[in-house]
PDB file of N, CA and C in Angstrom:
ATOM      1  N   MET A   1     -27.609  12.537   0.225  1.00  0.00           N
ATOM      2  CA  MET A   1     -26.442  12.413   1.088  1.00  0.00           C
ATOM      3  C   MET A   1     -25.380  11.559   0.404  1.00  0.00           C
ATOM      4  N   ILE A   2     -24.147  12.022   0.396  1.00  0.00           N
ATOM      5  CA  ILE A   2     -23.032  11.303  -0.219  1.00  0.00           C
ATOM      6  C   ILE A   2     -22.479  10.296   0.794  1.00  0.00           C
ATOM      7  N   PRO A   3     -22.363   9.014   0.405  1.00  0.00           N
ATOM      8  CA  PRO A   3     -21.828   8.019   1.337  1.00  0.00           C
ATOM      9  C   PRO A   3     -20.345   8.256   1.621  1.00  0.00           C
ATOM     10  N   ILE A   4     -19.917   7.886   2.799  1.00  0.00           N
ATOM     11  CA  ILE A   4     -18.500   7.993   3.166  1.00  0.00           C
ATOM     12  C   ILE A   4     -17.724   6.945   2.383  1.00  0.00           C
ATOM     13  N   ALA A   5     -16.657   7.354   1.762  1.00  0.00           N
ATOM     14  CA  ALA A   5     -15.853   6.454   0.935  1.00  0.00           C
ATOM     15  C   ALA A   5     -15.126   5.425   1.791  1.00  0.00           C
ATOM     16  N   GLN A   6     -15.074   4.212   1.290  1.00  0.00           N
ATOM     17  CA  GLN A   6     -14.320   3.168   1.958  1.00  0.00           C
ATOM     18  C   GLN A   6     -12.893   3.179   1.441  1.00  0.00           C
ATOM     19  N   ALA A   7     -11.964   2.874   2.317  1.00  0.00           N
ATOM     20  CA  ALA A   7     -10.560   2.800   1.910  1.00  0.00           C
ATOM     21  C   ALA A   7     -10.357   1.549   1.051  1.00  0.00           C
ATOM     22  N   TYR A   8      -9.524   1.686   0.039  1.00  0.00           N
ATOM     23  CA  TYR A   8      -9.173   0.548  -0.800  1.00  0.00           C
ATOM     24  C   TYR A   8      -7.841  -0.012  -0.350  1.00  0.00           C
ATOM     25  N   GLN A   9      -7.709  -1.338  -0.480  1.00  0.00           N
ATOM     26  CA  GLN A   9      -6.488  -2.008  -0.072  1.00  0.00           C
ATOM     27  C   GLN A   9      -6.041  -2.955  -1.178  1.00  0.00           C
ATOM     28  N   LYS A  10      -4.766  -3.308  -1.135  1.00  0.00           N
ATOM     29  CA  LYS A  10      -4.228  -4.296  -2.068  1.00  0.00           C
ATOM     30  C   LYS A  10      -5.055  -5.575  -1.928  1.00  0.00           C
ATOM     31  N   GLY A  11      -5.445  -6.137  -3.066  1.00  0.00           N
ATOM     32  CA  GLY A  11      -6.250  -7.355  -3.068  1.00  0.00           C
ATOM     33  C   GLY A  11      -7.741  -7.118  -3.222  1.00  0.00           C
ATOM     34  N   ASP A  12      -8.183  -5.874  -3.065  1.00  0.00           N
ATOM     35  CA  ASP A  12      -9.603  -5.569  -3.231  1.00  0.00           C
ATOM     36  C   ASP A  12     -10.029  -5.771  -4.678  1.00  0.00           C
ATOM     37  N   ARG A  13     -11.235  -6.299  -4.872  1.00  0.00           N
ATOM     38  CA  ARG A  13     -11.851  -6.438  -6.187  1.00  0.00           C
ATOM     39  C   ARG A  13     -12.537  -5.117  -6.508  1.00  0.00           C
ATOM     40  N   ILE A  14     -12.299  -4.615  -7.718  1.00  0.00           N
ATOM     41  CA  ILE A  14     -12.849  -3.324  -8.102  1.00  0.00           C
ATOM     42  C   ILE A  14     -13.432  -3.362  -9.518  1.00  0.00           C
ATOM     43  N   LYS A  15     -14.208  -2.328  -9.817  1.00  0.00           N
ATOM     44  CA  LYS A  15     -14.705  -2.076 -11.165  1.00  0.00           C
ATOM     45  C   LYS A  15     -14.242  -0.679 -11.529  1.00  0.00           C
ATOM     46  N   LEU A  16     -13.744  -0.513 -12.743  1.00  0.00           N
ATOM     47  CA  LEU A  16     -13.287   0.793 -13.201  1.00  0.00           C
ATOM     48  C   LEU A  16     -14.477   1.634 -13.667  1.00  0.00           C
ATOM     49  N   ILE A  17     -14.572   2.826 -13.131  1.00  0.00           N
ATOM     50  CA  ILE A  17     -15.619   3.781 -13.481  1.00  0.00           C
ATOM     51  C   ILE A  17     -14.904   5.007 -14.036  1.00  0.00           C
ATOM     52  N   LEU A  18     -14.850   5.114 -15.337  1.00  0.00           N
ATOM     53  CA  LEU A  18     -14.063   6.174 -15.981  1.00  0.00           C
ATOM     54  C   LEU A  18     -14.968   7.129 -16.736  1.00  0.00           C
ATOM     55  N   ASP A  19     -14.782   8.397 -16.494  1.00  0.00           N
ATOM     56  CA  ASP A  19     -15.547   9.445 -17.150  1.00  0.00           C
ATOM     57  C   ASP A  19     -15.235   9.439 -18.642  1.00  0.00           C
ATOM     58  N   LYS A  20     -16.250   9.345 -19.450  1.00  0.00           N
ATOM     59  CA  LYS A  20     -16.050   9.266 -20.897  1.00  0.00           C
ATOM     60  C   LYS A  20     -15.389  10.510 -21.474  1.00  0.00           C
ATOM     61  N   GLU A  21     -15.392  11.602 -20.746  1.00  0.00           N
ATOM     62  CA  GLU A  21     -14.784  12.843 -21.239  1.00  0.00           C
ATOM     63  C   GLU A  21     -13.337  13.013 -20.793  1.00  0.00           C
ATOM     64  N   ARG A  22     -12.823  12.141 -19.942  1.00  0.00           N
ATOM     65  CA  ARG A  22     -11.519  12.354 -19.319  1.00  0.00           C
ATOM     66  C   ARG A  22     -10.313  12.049 -20.179  1.00  0.00           C
ATOM     67  N   GLY A  23     -10.334  10.995 -20.955  1.00  0.00           N
ATOM     68  CA  GLY A  23      -9.114  10.732 -21.693  1.00  0.00           C
ATOM     69  C   GLY A  23      -9.035   9.384 -22.362  1.00  0.00           C
ATOM     70  N   PRO A  24      -7.813   8.947 -22.641  1.00  0.00           N
ATOM     71  CA  PRO A  24      -7.580   7.754 -23.460  1.00  0.00           C
ATOM     72  C   PRO A  24      -7.873   6.430 -22.754  1.00  0.00           C
ATOM     73  N   ASP A  25      -8.246   6.467 -21.493  1.00  0.00           N
ATOM     74  CA  ASP A  25      -8.496   5.223 -20.756  1.00  0.00           C
ATOM     75  C   ASP A  25      -9.957   4.798 -20.768  1.00  0.00           C
ATOM     76  N   THR A  26     -10.804   5.488 -21.513  1.00  0.00           N
ATOM     77  CA  THR A  26     -12.238   5.195 -21.478  1.00  0.00           C
ATOM     78  C   THR A  26     -12.569   3.782 -21.962  1.00  0.00           C
ATOM     79  N   HIS A  27     -11.703   3.181 -22.772  1.00  0.00           N
ATOM     80  CA  HIS A  27     -11.953   1.801 -23.223  1.00  0.00           C
ATOM     81  C   HIS A  27     -11.913   0.813 -22.054  1.00  0.00           C
ATOM     82  N   LEU A  28     -11.396   1.233 -20.916  1.00  0.00           N
ATOM     83  CA  LEU A  28     -11.329   0.372 -19.734  1.00  0.00           C
ATOM     84  C   LEU A  28     -12.559   0.506 -18.839  1.00  0.00           C
ATOM     85  N   HIS A  29     -13.448   1.450 -19.162  1.00  0.00           N
ATOM     86  CA  HIS A  29     -14.647   1.676 -18.350  1.00  0.00           C
ATOM     87  C   HIS A  29     -15.451   0.384 -18.217  1.00  0.00           C
ATOM     88  N   GLY A  30     -15.813   0.057 -16.979  1.00  0.00           N
ATOM     89  CA  GLY A  30     -16.621  -1.129 -16.711  1.00  0.00           C
ATOM     90  C   GLY A  30     -15.829  -2.405 -16.504  1.00  0.00           C
ATOM     91  N   LYS A  31     -14.531  -2.382 -16.794  1.00  0.00           N
ATOM     92  CA  LYS A  31     -13.691  -3.571 -16.595  1.00  0.00           C
ATOM     93  C   LYS A  31     -13.529  -3.829 -15.096  1.00  0.00           C
ATOM     94  N   THR A  32     -13.341  -5.091 -14.749  1.00  0.00           N
ATOM     95  CA  THR A  32     -13.149  -5.466 -13.353  1.00  0.00           C
ATOM     96  C   THR A  32     -11.769  -6.072 -13.159  1.00  0.00           C
ATOM     97  N   GLY A  33     -11.312  -6.038 -11.911  1.00  0.00           N
ATOM     98  CA  GLY A  33     -10.005  -6.586 -11.595  1.00  0.00           C
ATOM     99  C   GLY A  33      -9.689  -6.455 -10.126  1.00  0.00           C
ATOM    100  N   GLU A  34      -8.389  -6.442  -9.835  1.00  0.00           N
ATOM    101  CA  GLU A  34      -7.905  -6.441  -8.454  1.00  0.00           C
ATOM    102  C   GLU A  34      -6.798  -5.403  -8.291  1.00  0.00           C
ATOM    103  N   ILE A  35      -6.807  -4.737  -7.150  1.00  0.00           N
ATOM    104  CA  ILE A  35      -5.734  -3.800  -6.827  1.00  0.00           C
ATOM    105  C   ILE A  35      -4.486  -4.617  -6.488  1.00  0.00           C
ATOM    106  N   ILE A  36      -3.394  -4.380  -7.215  1.00  0.00           N
ATOM    107  CA  ILE A  36      -2.174  -5.139  -6.963  1.00  0.00           C
ATOM    108  C   ILE A  36      -1.053  -4.284  -6.370  1.00  0.00           C
ATOM    109  N   HIS A  37      -1.213  -2.957  -6.416  1.00  0.00           N
ATOM    110  CA  HIS A  37      -0.163  -2.085  -5.866  1.00  0.00           C
ATOM    111  C   HIS A  37      -0.768  -0.720  -5.573  1.00  0.00           C
ATOM    112  N   ILE A  38      -0.312  -0.116  -4.472  1.00  0.00           N
ATOM    113  CA  ILE A  38      -0.764   1.222  -4.104  1.00  0.00           C
ATOM    114  C   ILE A  38       0.456   2.086  -3.849  1.00  0.00           C
ATOM    115  N   GLU A  39       0.485   3.241  -4.499  1.00  0.00           N
ATOM    116  CA  GLU A  39       1.545   4.224  -4.289  1.00  0.00           C
ATOM    117  C   GLU A  39       0.920   5.488  -3.717  1.00  0.00           C
ATOM    118  N   PHE A  40       1.775   6.384  -3.268  1.00  0.00           N
ATOM    119  CA  PHE A  40       1.303   7.630  -2.680  1.00  0.00           C
ATOM    120  C   PHE A  40       2.044   8.805  -3.300  1.00  0.00           C
ATOM    121  N   ASP A  41       1.342   9.921  -3.400  1.00  0.00           N
ATOM    122  CA  ASP A  41       1.981  11.166  -3.788  1.00  0.00           C
ATOM    123  C   ASP A  41       1.328  12.294  -3.000  1.00  0.00           C
ATOM    124  N   ASP A  42       1.529  13.515  -3.398  1.00  0.00           N
ATOM    125  CA  ASP A  42       1.011  14.654  -2.643  1.00  0.00           C
ATOM    126  C   ASP A  42      -0.013  15.438  -3.459  1.00  0.00           C
ATOM    127  N   ALA A  43      -0.845  14.732  -4.227  1.00  0.00           N
ATOM    128  CA  ALA A  43      -1.842  15.406  -5.060  1.00  0.00           C
ATOM    129  C   ALA A  43      -2.831  16.216  -4.230  1.00  0.00           C
ATOM    130  N   SER A  44      -3.045  15.815  -2.994  1.00  0.00           N
ATOM    131  CA  SER A  44      -4.011  16.548  -2.159  1.00  0.00           C
ATOM    132  C   SER A  44      -3.570  17.985  -1.885  1.00  0.00           C
ATOM    133  N   SER A  45      -2.282  18.269  -2.017  1.00  0.00           N
ATOM    134  CA  SER A  45      -1.825  19.642  -1.824  1.00  0.00           C
ATOM    135  C   SER A  45      -2.379  20.557  -2.910  1.00  0.00           C
ATOM    136  N   ILE A  46      -2.783  19.950  -4.042  1.00  0.00           N
ATOM    137  CA  ILE A  46      -3.377  20.710  -5.137  1.00  0.00           C
ATOM    138  C   ILE A  46      -4.901  20.617  -5.100  1.00  0.00           C
ATOM    139  N   THR A  47      -5.413  19.403  -4.857  1.00  0.00           N
ATOM    140  CA  THR A  47      -6.859  19.182  -4.928  1.00  0.00           C
ATOM    141  C   THR A  47      -7.587  19.464  -3.617  1.00  0.00           C
ATOM    142  N   GLY A  48      -6.870  19.361  -2.492  1.00  0.00           N
ATOM    143  CA  GLY A  48      -7.513  19.537  -1.195  1.00  0.00           C
ATOM    144  C   GLY A  48      -8.218  18.289  -0.691  1.00  0.00           C
ATOM    145  N   ASN A  49      -8.113  17.178  -1.422  1.00  0.00           N
ATOM    146  CA  ASN A  49      -8.765  15.929  -1.042  1.00  0.00           C
ATOM    147  C   ASN A  49      -7.702  14.885  -0.752  1.00  0.00           C
ATOM    148  N   SER A  50      -7.615  14.425   0.496  1.00  0.00           N
ATOM    149  CA  SER A  50      -6.563  13.476   0.894  1.00  0.00           C
ATOM    150  C   SER A  50      -6.666  12.140   0.149  1.00  0.00           C
ATOM    151  N   GLU A  51      -7.848  11.782  -0.343  1.00  0.00           N
ATOM    152  CA  GLU A  51      -7.991  10.531  -1.102  1.00  0.00           C
ATOM    153  C   GLU A  51      -7.242  10.581  -2.429  1.00  0.00           C
ATOM    154  N   ASP A  52      -6.920  11.784  -2.894  1.00  0.00           N
ATOM    155  CA  ASP A  52      -6.185  11.921  -4.153  1.00  0.00           C
ATOM    156  C   ASP A  52      -4.714  11.548  -4.017  1.00  0.00           C
ATOM    157  N   ASN A  53      -4.235  11.297  -2.807  1.00  0.00           N
ATOM    158  CA  ASN A  53      -2.841  10.903  -2.582  1.00  0.00           C
ATOM    159  C   ASN A  53      -2.568   9.450  -2.968  1.00  0.00           C
ATOM    160  N   PHE A  54      -3.604   8.667  -3.194  1.00  0.00           N
ATOM    161  CA  PHE A  54      -3.447   7.248  -3.480  1.00  0.00           C
ATOM    162  C   PHE A  54      -3.488   7.007  -4.985  1.00  0.00           C
ATOM    163  N   ILE A  55      -2.521   6.221  -5.475  1.00  0.00           N
ATOM    164  CA  ILE A  55      -2.430   5.842  -6.878  1.00  0.00           C
ATOM    165  C   ILE A  55      -2.491   4.313  -6.928  1.00  0.00           C
ATOM    166  N   TYR A  56      -3.447   3.792  -7.683  1.00  0.00           N
ATOM    167  CA  TYR A  56      -3.693   2.354  -7.697  1.00  0.00           C
ATOM    168  C   TYR A  56      -3.264   1.722  -9.018  1.00  0.00           C
ATOM    169  N   THR A  57      -2.587   0.567  -8.921  1.00  0.00           N
ATOM    170  CA  THR A  57      -2.280  -0.266 -10.083  1.00  0.00           C
ATOM    171  C   THR A  57      -3.265  -1.429 -10.049  1.00  0.00           C
ATOM    172  N   ILE A  58      -3.902  -1.687 -11.183  1.00  0.00           N
ATOM    173  CA  ILE A  58      -4.951  -2.689 -11.270  1.00  0.00           C
ATOM    174  C   ILE A  58      -4.550  -3.794 -12.241  1.00  0.00           C
ATOM    175  N   GLN A  59      -4.803  -5.037 -11.838  1.00  0.00           N
ATOM    176  CA  GLN A  59      -4.690  -6.162 -12.770  1.00  0.00           C
ATOM    177  C   GLN A  59      -6.110  -6.561 -13.144  1.00  0.00           C
ATOM    178  N   LEU A  60      -6.423  -6.452 -14.438  1.00  0.00           N
ATOM    179  CA  LEU A  60      -7.755  -6.784 -14.913  1.00  0.00           C
ATOM    180  C   LEU A  60      -7.969  -8.295 -14.873  1.00  0.00           C
ATOM    181  N   ASP A  61      -9.233  -8.689 -14.920  1.00  0.00           N
ATOM    182  CA  ASP A  61      -9.570 -10.113 -14.869  1.00  0.00           C
ATOM    183  C   ASP A  61      -8.968 -10.915 -16.012  1.00  0.00           C
ATOM    184  N   ASN A  62      -8.676 -10.262 -17.135  1.00  0.00           N
ATOM    185  CA  ASN A  62      -8.067 -10.969 -18.267  1.00  0.00           C
ATOM    186  C   ASN A  62      -6.540 -11.077 -18.124  1.00  0.00           C
ATOM    187  N   GLY A  63      -5.992 -10.593 -16.988  1.00  0.00           N
ATOM    188  CA  GLY A  63      -4.561 -10.674 -16.732  1.00  0.00           C
ATOM    189  C   GLY A  63      -3.793  -9.424 -17.107  1.00  0.00           C
ATOM    190  N   GLU A  64      -4.414  -8.544 -17.890  1.00  0.00           N
ATOM    191  CA  GLU A  64      -3.764  -7.309 -18.332  1.00  0.00           C
ATOM    192  C   GLU A  64      -3.557  -6.352 -17.156  1.00  0.00           C
ATOM    193  N   ILE A  65      -2.406  -5.703 -17.145  1.00  0.00           N
ATOM    194  CA  ILE A  65      -2.125  -4.632 -16.196  1.00  0.00           C
ATOM    195  C   ILE A  65      -1.974  -3.355 -17.022  1.00  0.00           C
ATOM    196  N   PRO A  66      -3.025  -2.521 -17.065  1.00  0.00           N
ATOM    197  CA  PRO A  66      -2.946  -1.306 -17.888  1.00  0.00           C
ATOM    198  C   PRO A  66      -1.772  -0.428 -17.474  1.00  0.00           C
ATOM    199  N   ASP A  67      -1.163   0.197 -18.451  1.00  0.00           N
ATOM    200  CA  ASP A  67      -0.047   1.106 -18.194  1.00  0.00           C
ATOM    201  C   ASP A  67      -0.589   2.486 -17.802  1.00  0.00           C
ATOM    202  N   ILE A  68      -1.614   2.459 -16.980  1.00  0.00           N
ATOM    203  CA  ILE A  68      -2.273   3.663 -16.474  1.00  0.00           C
ATOM    204  C   ILE A  68      -2.483   3.448 -14.985  1.00  0.00           C
ATOM    205  N   HIS A  69      -2.197   4.452 -14.211  1.00  0.00           N
ATOM    206  CA  HIS A  69      -2.477   4.363 -12.780  1.00  0.00           C
ATOM    207  C   HIS A  69      -3.784   5.087 -12.498  1.00  0.00           C
ATOM    208  N   PHE A  70      -4.549   4.564 -11.559  1.00  0.00           N
ATOM    209  CA  PHE A  70      -5.885   5.072 -11.293  1.00  0.00           C
ATOM    210  C   PHE A  70      -5.942   5.764  -9.932  1.00  0.00           C
ATOM    211  N   ARG A  71      -6.877   6.687  -9.826  1.00  0.00           N
ATOM    212  CA  ARG A  71      -7.145   7.398  -8.569  1.00  0.00           C
ATOM    213  C   ARG A  71      -8.449   6.869  -7.979  1.00  0.00           C
ATOM    214  N   ARG A  72      -8.718   7.252  -6.754  1.00  0.00           N
ATOM    215  CA  ARG A  72      -9.887   6.786  -6.008  1.00  0.00           C
ATOM    216  C   ARG A  72     -11.184   6.973  -6.790  1.00  0.00           C
ATOM    217  N   TYR A  73     -11.338   8.109  -7.449  1.00  0.00           N
ATOM    218  CA  TYR A  73     -12.588   8.391  -8.159  1.00  0.00           C
ATOM    219  C   TYR A  73     -12.789   7.507  -9.386  1.00  0.00           C
ATOM    220  N   ASP A  74     -11.759   6.748  -9.796  1.00  0.00           N
ATOM    221  CA  ASP A  74     -11.864   5.839 -10.943  1.00  0.00           C
ATOM    222  C   ASP A  74     -12.367   4.460 -10.556  1.00  0.00           C
ATOM    223  N   LEU A  75     -12.503   4.185  -9.264  1.00  0.00           N
ATOM    224  CA  LEU A  75     -12.758   2.824  -8.782  1.00  0.00           C
ATOM    225  C   LEU A  75     -14.054   2.722  -7.986  1.00  0.00           C
ATOM    226  N   ARG A  76     -14.678   1.538  -8.070  1.00  0.00           N
ATOM    227  CA  ARG A  76     -15.795   1.167  -7.211  1.00  0.00           C
ATOM    228  C   ARG A  76     -15.530  -0.253  -6.738  1.00  0.00           C
ATOM    229  N   LYS A  77     -15.781  -0.506  -5.456  1.00  0.00           N
ATOM    230  CA  LYS A  77     -15.618  -1.864  -4.944  1.00  0.00           C
ATOM    231  C   LYS A  77     -16.662  -2.777  -5.558  1.00  0.00           C
ATOM    232  N   GLU A  78     -16.234  -3.971  -5.881  1.00  0.00           N
ATOM    233  CA  GLU A  78     -17.157  -4.980  -6.393  1.00  0.00           C
ATOM    234  C   GLU A  78     -17.741  -5.749  -5.220  1.00  0.00           C
ATOM    235  N   GLY A  79     -18.986  -6.121  -5.366  1.00  0.00           N
ATOM    236  CA  GLY A  79     -19.610  -6.970  -4.351  1.00  0.00           C
ATOM    237  C   GLY A  79     -20.125  -6.261  -3.237  1.00  0.00           C
TER     238      GLY A  79
END
């Protein structure tokens, strides 16, 4: 059984879970940080999944803010 996804909010602590086959952001896999900004778009009109409408900006624990925006499937709540 697949667990129901929890909504993410600004300030949440997260861990990046990035598919090694997806692209140039794989070096960030396993890094932890905090959600500092959430934007919205209409990606669900293509994917059919309303969670795809959320775009997250993350500040890593080392202070870095990657110039990559993340989707729900890239994140796991810490703790």
